[in-house]
Amino acid sequence: MPETTLDLSLDGPALTARLVDFPSVSGQEKELADAIESALRTLPHLTVDRHGNNVVARTDLGRAERVVLAGHIDTVPIADNVPSRLDENGVLWGCGTSDMKSGVAVQLRIAATVPEPNRDLTFVFYDNEEVAAHLNGLGHIAEAHPDWLAGDFAVLLEGSDAEVEGGCQGTLRVFLRTEGERAHSARGWMGSNAIHGAAPILARLAAYEPRRPVIDGLEYHEGLNAVRIEGGVANNVIPDACTVVVNFRYAPDRTAEEALAHVHEVFADCGVAEFVVDDHSGAAMPGLSHPAAQAFMAAVGGTARPKFGWTDVSRFGSLGVPAVNYGPGDPLFAHKRDEHVAVERITHCEERLRSWLTA
């Protein structure tokens, strides 16, 4: 059984291990949210609020600037990789080590050990990031208590291998449906094969050339791909329906409306009988020209990279808060059975944030 409390005096790697040992698959975060809330309420310099399984803690020191440090506490389903395991090479293994309990550990360490930061701080710990957008806890806070997320700059501690990643791609998922007419496969000419009817869609995808725009000095790489295809009734039936599921990952210089219009245009003459939007989350501009972002970059060092993928920096962008991704986990190992994080990265991120917030 996992511990039911969190000891914030543990160092970052040990605290990460403790967090991993709280199984918190999306929808099952209550026990971990309880432990985070209880631990933060022991810190007299923080005001702590809760909405569902989302916990927000804030300093109120009257500083000229407020920074939000945010991270989700859920993980994808466990794949025989809990409890955590620390090997002799300084690598911590387990579900959530990279995505993103190592980042949450850094948040908690800063909350516990920087009582008088040079900027007021808001710490956000939220649920249901790994599932459908309408369940996302940060979105629920934004709807119910937008004032809790007010700030001049935000850092999302998503795994970025201890490098700053600016903005994020938008993601659009659509169902492209073709229609036909059923018939016995022995007399296929009596029907119309909907799977064959999807051929123009697949040909258009295979020929598609994605853009690679440069925004704030960062080169993004778009992608339009089929991620699933469904069709067929039985092995002796000509199918009368087929669905190609397409995912468009687009650069932050496109609005959500422009992205949707582009996908409509790509498949306009491909025989699509029904075009259904299944999920859509907008992109976020890098925001690296903002003074707070420049100060952050100067403190943490390195070279900023574009974020390939969608993260909740998009939600902060919609609230008018420029945000970047910066966390210890390696995104290449997120969601994998062999998910892991180098403990050195955890320590490095904590030290860099502490330097920025106490200089």
Protein backbone atom coordinates (compact mmCIF):
# COMPACT_ATOMS: atom_id res chain seq x y z
CA MET A 1 0.00 0.00 0.00
CA PRO A 2 1.32 3.50 -0.76
CA GLU A 3 2.04 6.03 1.94
CA THR A 4 -0.96 8.26 2.67
CA THR A 5 1.12 11.34 3.49
CA LEU A 6 3.84 13.32 1.74
CA ASP A 7 7.03 14.44 3.47
CA LEU A 8 8.09 17.66 1.73
CA SER A 9 11.48 17.57 3.47
CA LEU A 10 12.50 14.73 1.15
CA ASP A 11 14.80 15.70 -1.71
CA GLY A 12 13.41 15.92 -5.24
CA PRO A 13 14.24 12.38 -6.40
CA ALA A 14 12.93 10.78 -3.19
CA LEU A 15 9.77 12.87 -3.35
CA THR A 16 9.29 11.83 -6.98
CA ALA A 17 9.51 8.17 -5.95
CA ARG A 18 6.91 8.77 -3.23
CA LEU A 19 4.57 10.42 -5.74
CA VAL A 20 4.98 7.56 -8.21
CA ASP A 21 4.06 5.12 -5.46
CA PHE A 22 0.67 6.87 -5.21
CA PRO A 23 -1.12 5.26 -8.17
CA SER A 24 -3.17 8.07 -9.70
CA VAL A 25 -4.42 6.96 -13.09
CA SER A 26 -6.74 9.56 -14.62
CA GLY A 27 -9.98 9.59 -12.67
CA GLN A 28 -8.35 8.06 -9.59
CA GLU A 29 -6.39 11.03 -8.24
CA LYS A 30 -8.25 11.67 -4.99
CA GLU A 31 -5.79 9.97 -2.65
CA LEU A 32 -2.85 11.87 -4.11
CA ALA A 33 -4.77 15.15 -4.19
CA ASP A 34 -5.62 14.62 -0.49
CA ALA A 35 -1.95 14.07 0.35
CA ILE A 36 -0.81 17.13 -1.61
CA GLU A 37 -3.45 19.33 0.00
CA SER A 38 -2.58 18.10 3.50
CA ALA A 39 1.15 18.67 2.97
CA LEU A 40 0.67 22.18 1.58
CA ARG A 41 -1.66 23.21 4.42
CA THR A 42 1.24 22.74 6.85
CA LEU A 43 3.12 25.60 5.13
CA PRO A 44 2.14 28.92 6.78
CA HIS A 45 3.27 31.08 3.85
CA LEU A 46 0.70 29.54 1.49
CA THR A 47 -3.04 29.95 1.05
CA VAL A 48 -4.50 26.64 -0.14
CA ASP A 49 -7.73 26.10 -2.07
CA ARG A 50 -9.28 23.01 -3.62
CA HIS A 51 -11.78 22.39 -6.41
CA GLY A 52 -12.56 18.71 -6.93
CA ASN A 53 -9.24 16.90 -7.07
CA ASN A 54 -7.41 20.07 -8.04
CA VAL A 55 -5.27 21.88 -5.47
CA VAL A 56 -4.06 25.49 -5.75
CA ALA A 57 -1.65 27.15 -3.30
CA ARG A 58 -0.52 30.79 -3.40
CA THR A 59 1.82 33.23 -1.74
CA ASP A 60 0.54 36.75 -1.13
CA LEU A 61 3.63 38.85 -0.55
CA GLY A 62 2.68 41.85 -2.66
CA ARG A 63 5.41 41.23 -5.23
CA ALA A 64 5.31 43.09 -8.54
CA GLU A 65 4.94 39.90 -10.55
CA ARG A 66 3.11 36.58 -10.11
CA VAL A 67 4.34 33.30 -11.59
CA VAL A 68 2.24 30.14 -11.89
CA LEU A 69 3.95 26.74 -11.55
CA ALA A 70 1.57 24.03 -12.76
CA GLY A 71 1.51 20.28 -13.18
CA HIS A 72 -0.95 17.44 -13.55
CA ILE A 73 -1.03 14.65 -10.99
CA ASP A 74 -2.60 11.89 -13.11
CA THR A 75 -0.88 9.25 -15.22
CA VAL A 76 -1.79 6.91 -18.02
CA PRO A 77 -2.74 3.36 -16.94
CA ILE A 78 -0.04 1.49 -15.03
CA ALA A 79 1.91 -1.06 -17.09
CA ASP A 80 3.45 -3.23 -14.34
CA ASN A 81 5.71 -0.25 -13.56
CA VAL A 82 4.65 0.71 -10.03
CA PRO A 83 6.12 0.85 -7.40
CA SER A 84 9.08 3.03 -8.37
CA ARG A 85 12.61 1.66 -8.59
CA LEU A 86 15.91 3.55 -8.31
CA ASP A 87 18.83 1.85 -10.05
CA GLU A 88 22.57 2.11 -9.40
CA ASN A 89 22.99 4.57 -12.30
CA GLY A 90 20.81 7.24 -10.73
CA VAL A 91 17.76 6.51 -12.86
CA LEU A 92 14.30 6.36 -11.31
CA TRP A 93 11.84 4.00 -13.03
CA GLY A 94 8.08 3.89 -12.82
CA CYS A 95 4.77 5.12 -14.20
CA GLY A 96 4.72 8.91 -14.11
CA THR A 97 8.44 9.43 -13.49
CA SER A 98 8.73 11.39 -16.73
CA ASP A 99 5.10 12.43 -17.24
CA MET A 100 5.04 14.17 -14.89
CA LYS A 101 5.51 13.35 -11.23
CA SER A 102 9.14 14.46 -11.30
CA GLY A 103 7.86 17.91 -12.31
CA VAL A 104 5.23 17.81 -9.56
CA ALA A 105 7.98 16.94 -7.07
CA VAL A 106 9.91 20.03 -8.15
CA GLN A 107 6.77 22.14 -7.64
CA LEU A 108 6.31 20.76 -4.15
CA ARG A 109 9.97 21.29 -3.26
CA ILE A 110 9.80 24.95 -4.34
CA ALA A 111 6.53 25.40 -2.43
CA ALA A 112 8.09 23.98 0.74
CA THR A 113 11.54 25.57 0.61
CA VAL A 114 11.09 29.02 -0.96
CA PRO A 115 8.83 30.85 1.53
CA GLU A 116 9.83 34.36 0.37
CA PRO A 117 10.30 34.24 -3.41
CA ASN A 118 11.15 37.35 -5.40
CA ARG A 119 7.87 36.90 -7.30
CA ASP A 120 4.55 35.84 -5.86
CA LEU A 121 3.91 32.20 -6.71
CA THR A 122 0.84 30.13 -7.51
CA PHE A 123 1.17 26.34 -7.45
CA VAL A 124 -1.44 24.38 -9.39
CA PHE A 125 -1.85 20.59 -9.11
CA TYR A 126 -4.64 19.29 -11.33
CA ASP A 127 -6.28 16.07 -12.45
CA ASN A 128 -7.38 14.35 -15.68
CA GLU A 129 -4.81 15.77 -18.09
CA GLU A 130 -4.21 12.45 -19.83
CA VAL A 131 -7.82 11.98 -20.97
CA ALA A 132 -10.47 13.89 -22.92
CA ALA A 133 -10.15 17.68 -22.86
CA HIS A 134 -13.54 18.25 -21.21
CA LEU A 135 -12.33 16.35 -18.10
CA ASN A 136 -9.13 18.38 -17.67
CA GLY A 137 -8.84 19.78 -14.15
CA LEU A 138 -7.00 22.92 -15.23
CA GLY A 139 -9.91 23.67 -17.53
CA HIS A 140 -12.33 23.15 -14.64
CA ILE A 141 -10.38 25.60 -12.47
CA ALA A 142 -10.32 28.13 -15.32
CA GLU A 143 -14.11 27.89 -15.60
CA ALA A 144 -14.94 27.95 -11.88
CA HIS A 145 -12.11 30.06 -10.40
CA PRO A 146 -10.22 31.91 -13.14
CA ASP A 147 -8.78 34.28 -10.53
CA TRP A 148 -6.82 31.34 -9.06
CA LEU A 149 -4.83 31.13 -12.31
CA ALA A 150 -4.09 34.85 -12.72
CA GLY A 151 -0.44 35.57 -13.34
CA ASP A 152 2.18 37.33 -15.44
CA PHE A 153 3.93 34.14 -16.57
CA ALA A 154 3.46 30.39 -16.14
CA VAL A 155 5.76 27.39 -16.18
CA LEU A 156 4.21 24.02 -16.89
CA LEU A 157 6.52 21.38 -15.48
CA GLU A 158 5.75 18.86 -18.22
CA GLY A 159 8.71 16.70 -19.14
CA SER A 160 11.07 18.61 -21.43
CA ASP A 161 14.37 16.95 -20.44
CA ALA A 162 15.30 20.06 -18.46
CA GLU A 163 15.15 22.32 -21.53
CA VAL A 164 12.69 25.14 -22.16
CA GLU A 165 10.06 24.26 -24.76
CA GLY A 166 8.09 27.21 -26.07
CA GLY A 167 4.39 27.14 -26.86
CA CYS A 168 2.73 23.98 -28.11
CA GLN A 169 1.12 22.49 -31.18
CA GLY A 170 -2.62 22.41 -31.59
CA THR A 171 -4.28 19.03 -32.04
CA LEU A 172 -7.38 18.32 -34.09
CA ARG A 173 -8.92 14.86 -34.48
CA VAL A 174 -11.59 14.24 -37.10
CA PHE A 175 -13.60 11.25 -38.31
CA LEU A 176 -13.81 11.04 -42.11
CA ARG A 177 -16.60 8.65 -43.08
CA THR A 178 -17.26 7.09 -46.45
CA GLU A 179 -20.43 5.28 -47.43
CA GLY A 180 -21.19 2.38 -49.77
CA GLU A 181 -23.76 -0.36 -50.26
CA ARG A 182 -23.69 -3.82 -48.68
CA ALA A 183 -23.60 -6.90 -50.85
CA HIS A 184 -22.42 -10.50 -50.69
CA SER A 185 -18.70 -10.59 -51.41
CA ALA A 186 -19.33 -13.30 -54.02
CA ARG A 187 -21.33 -10.71 -55.92
CA GLY A 188 -19.35 -7.62 -55.05
CA TRP A 189 -20.51 -5.77 -58.15
CA MET A 190 -23.96 -5.60 -56.59
CA GLY A 191 -22.69 -3.29 -53.87
CA SER A 192 -20.27 -0.42 -53.31
CA ASN A 193 -17.22 -0.92 -51.10
CA ALA A 194 -16.88 1.89 -48.54
CA ILE A 195 -13.34 0.80 -47.60
CA HIS A 196 -12.28 1.17 -51.22
CA GLY A 197 -13.99 4.55 -51.13
CA ALA A 198 -11.49 5.67 -48.49
CA ALA A 199 -8.59 5.31 -50.95
CA PRO A 200 -8.64 9.00 -52.00
CA ILE A 201 -8.39 10.01 -48.34
CA LEU A 202 -5.37 7.79 -47.77
CA ALA A 203 -3.74 8.93 -51.01
CA ARG A 204 -4.17 12.57 -49.99
CA LEU A 205 -2.60 11.84 -46.59
CA ALA A 206 0.34 9.99 -48.16
CA ALA A 207 1.04 12.93 -50.47
CA TYR A 208 0.57 15.62 -47.84
CA GLU A 209 3.59 17.91 -47.28
CA PRO A 210 3.54 19.42 -43.77
CA ARG A 211 4.60 23.00 -43.10
CA ARG A 212 7.65 23.82 -40.96
CA PRO A 213 7.07 27.45 -39.94
CA VAL A 214 9.56 29.39 -37.79
CA ILE A 215 7.89 31.29 -34.93
CA ASP A 216 9.88 33.35 -32.40
CA GLY A 217 12.99 31.63 -33.73
CA LEU A 218 11.58 28.12 -33.14
CA GLU A 219 10.86 25.75 -36.04
CA TYR A 220 7.62 23.82 -35.64
CA HIS A 221 6.77 20.75 -37.70
CA GLU A 222 3.15 20.12 -38.57
CA GLY A 223 1.70 16.67 -39.26
CA LEU A 224 -1.49 15.29 -40.79
CA ASN A 225 -1.83 11.55 -40.27
CA ALA A 226 -4.31 8.71 -40.24
CA VAL A 227 -4.21 7.18 -36.78
CA ARG A 228 -6.96 4.58 -37.13
CA ILE A 229 -9.24 3.10 -39.78
CA GLU A 230 -12.46 1.24 -39.10
CA GLY A 231 -14.67 -0.65 -41.50
CA GLY A 232 -16.04 -4.04 -42.36
CA VAL A 233 -19.05 -6.11 -41.42
CA ALA A 234 -18.07 -9.73 -41.96
CA ASN A 235 -15.57 -11.63 -44.09
CA ASN A 236 -18.19 -12.29 -46.76
CA VAL A 237 -19.86 -8.85 -46.84
CA ILE A 238 -19.01 -5.80 -48.93
CA PRO A 239 -18.85 -3.01 -46.29
CA ASP A 240 -21.21 -0.06 -46.54
CA ALA A 241 -19.31 2.19 -44.10
CA CYS A 242 -15.70 3.10 -43.33
CA THR A 243 -14.15 5.69 -41.01
CA VAL A 244 -10.63 7.10 -41.26
CA VAL A 245 -9.53 8.85 -38.06
CA VAL A 246 -7.15 11.71 -38.85
CA ASN A 247 -5.03 13.73 -36.42
CA PHE A 248 -3.74 17.17 -37.40
CA ARG A 249 -0.91 18.57 -35.28
CA TYR A 250 -0.52 22.20 -36.23
CA ALA A 251 1.83 25.07 -35.51
CA PRO A 252 0.84 27.92 -33.19
CA ASP A 253 0.61 30.48 -36.00
CA ARG A 254 -2.72 28.87 -36.96
CA THR A 255 -5.87 29.60 -35.01
CA ALA A 256 -8.21 26.73 -34.19
CA GLU A 257 -10.59 27.99 -36.86
CA GLU A 258 -7.84 28.15 -39.48
CA ALA A 259 -6.70 24.62 -38.64
CA LEU A 260 -10.21 23.24 -39.06
CA ALA A 261 -10.69 25.09 -42.34
CA HIS A 262 -7.39 23.69 -43.62
CA VAL A 263 -8.40 20.09 -42.93
CA HIS A 264 -11.74 20.65 -44.63
CA GLU A 265 -9.87 21.99 -47.64
CA VAL A 266 -7.43 19.07 -47.80
CA PHE A 267 -10.23 16.49 -48.04
CA ALA A 268 -12.78 18.58 -49.94
CA ASP A 269 -12.81 16.37 -53.05
CA CYS A 270 -12.08 12.97 -51.48
CA GLY A 271 -15.61 11.59 -51.35
CA VAL A 272 -16.09 12.18 -47.62
CA ALA A 273 -19.74 11.54 -46.75
CA GLU A 274 -19.47 12.80 -43.17
CA PHE A 275 -16.85 15.00 -41.48
CA VAL A 276 -17.01 14.88 -37.67
CA VAL A 277 -14.73 16.75 -35.26
CA ASP A 278 -13.97 14.38 -32.36
CA ASP A 279 -11.54 16.51 -30.34
CA HIS A 280 -9.84 19.87 -30.78
CA SER A 281 -7.41 21.80 -28.57
CA GLY A 282 -5.77 24.96 -29.85
CA ALA A 283 -2.07 25.77 -30.09
CA ALA A 284 -0.11 28.27 -27.99
CA MET A 285 2.43 30.81 -29.19
CA PRO A 286 5.93 30.51 -27.66
CA GLY A 287 5.74 33.87 -25.88
CA LEU A 288 9.52 33.97 -25.48
CA SER A 289 9.64 37.71 -26.15
CA HIS A 290 7.76 38.43 -22.90
CA PRO A 291 10.09 40.01 -20.28
CA ALA A 292 9.26 37.32 -17.70
CA ALA A 293 10.07 34.60 -20.22
CA GLN A 294 13.38 36.27 -21.05
CA ALA A 295 14.28 36.47 -17.36
CA PHE A 296 13.35 32.81 -16.97
CA MET A 297 15.51 31.80 -19.94
CA ALA A 298 18.43 33.77 -18.55
CA ALA A 299 18.10 31.95 -15.22
CA VAL A 300 17.68 28.37 -16.44
CA GLY A 301 20.03 28.59 -19.42
CA GLY A 302 20.09 26.38 -22.48
CA THR A 303 18.43 26.96 -25.83
CA ALA A 304 14.67 27.07 -26.20
CA ARG A 305 13.04 24.41 -28.38
CA PRO A 306 9.59 24.15 -29.92
CA LYS A 307 7.08 21.90 -28.15
CA PHE A 308 6.05 19.01 -30.38
CA GLY A 309 2.75 18.00 -28.88
CA TRP A 310 -0.10 19.68 -27.03
CA THR A 311 0.19 20.78 -23.41
CA ASP A 312 -1.76 22.99 -21.07
CA VAL A 313 0.36 26.00 -21.94
CA SER A 314 -2.47 26.41 -24.46
CA ARG A 315 -4.96 26.92 -21.62
CA PHE A 316 -2.74 29.53 -20.03
CA GLY A 317 -2.41 31.26 -23.39
CA SER A 318 -6.19 31.47 -23.67
CA LEU A 319 -6.21 33.16 -20.24
CA GLY A 320 -3.68 35.73 -21.42
CA VAL A 321 -0.80 34.22 -19.40
CA PRO A 322 2.35 33.52 -21.46
CA ALA A 323 3.71 30.09 -20.58
CA VAL A 324 6.51 27.64 -21.34
CA ASN A 325 7.13 23.96 -20.70
CA TYR A 326 10.08 23.16 -18.43
CA GLY A 327 10.41 19.92 -16.50
CA PRO A 328 12.90 17.16 -15.69
CA GLY A 329 11.22 14.26 -17.50
CA ASP A 330 12.30 13.11 -20.95
CA PRO A 331 9.17 13.31 -23.15
CA LEU A 332 10.46 10.46 -25.31
CA PHE A 333 9.75 8.06 -22.44
CA ALA A 334 6.31 9.40 -21.48
CA HIS A 335 3.59 6.71 -21.44
CA LYS A 336 6.10 3.90 -22.05
CA ARG A 337 6.39 0.72 -20.04
CA ASP A 338 10.03 1.61 -19.36
CA GLU A 339 9.23 5.19 -18.32
CA HIS A 340 12.04 6.70 -16.27
CA VAL A 341 13.81 9.91 -15.29
CA ALA A 342 17.42 10.71 -14.44
CA VAL A 343 17.54 11.97 -10.86
CA GLU A 344 20.14 14.53 -11.93
CA ARG A 345 17.50 16.19 -14.11
CA ILE A 346 15.15 16.52 -11.13
CA THR A 347 17.83 18.18 -9.03
CA HIS A 348 18.90 20.42 -11.91
CA CYS A 349 15.39 21.74 -12.56
CA GLU A 350 14.79 22.43 -8.88
CA GLU A 351 18.09 24.30 -8.56
CA ARG A 352 17.44 26.41 -11.67
CA LEU A 353 13.93 27.36 -10.54
CA ARG A 354 15.18 28.16 -7.07
CA SER A 355 17.89 30.39 -8.53
CA TRP A 356 15.34 32.25 -10.66
CA LEU A 357 12.93 32.72 -7.76
CA THR A 358 15.48 33.82 -5.15
CA ALA A 359 18.01 35.87 -7.15
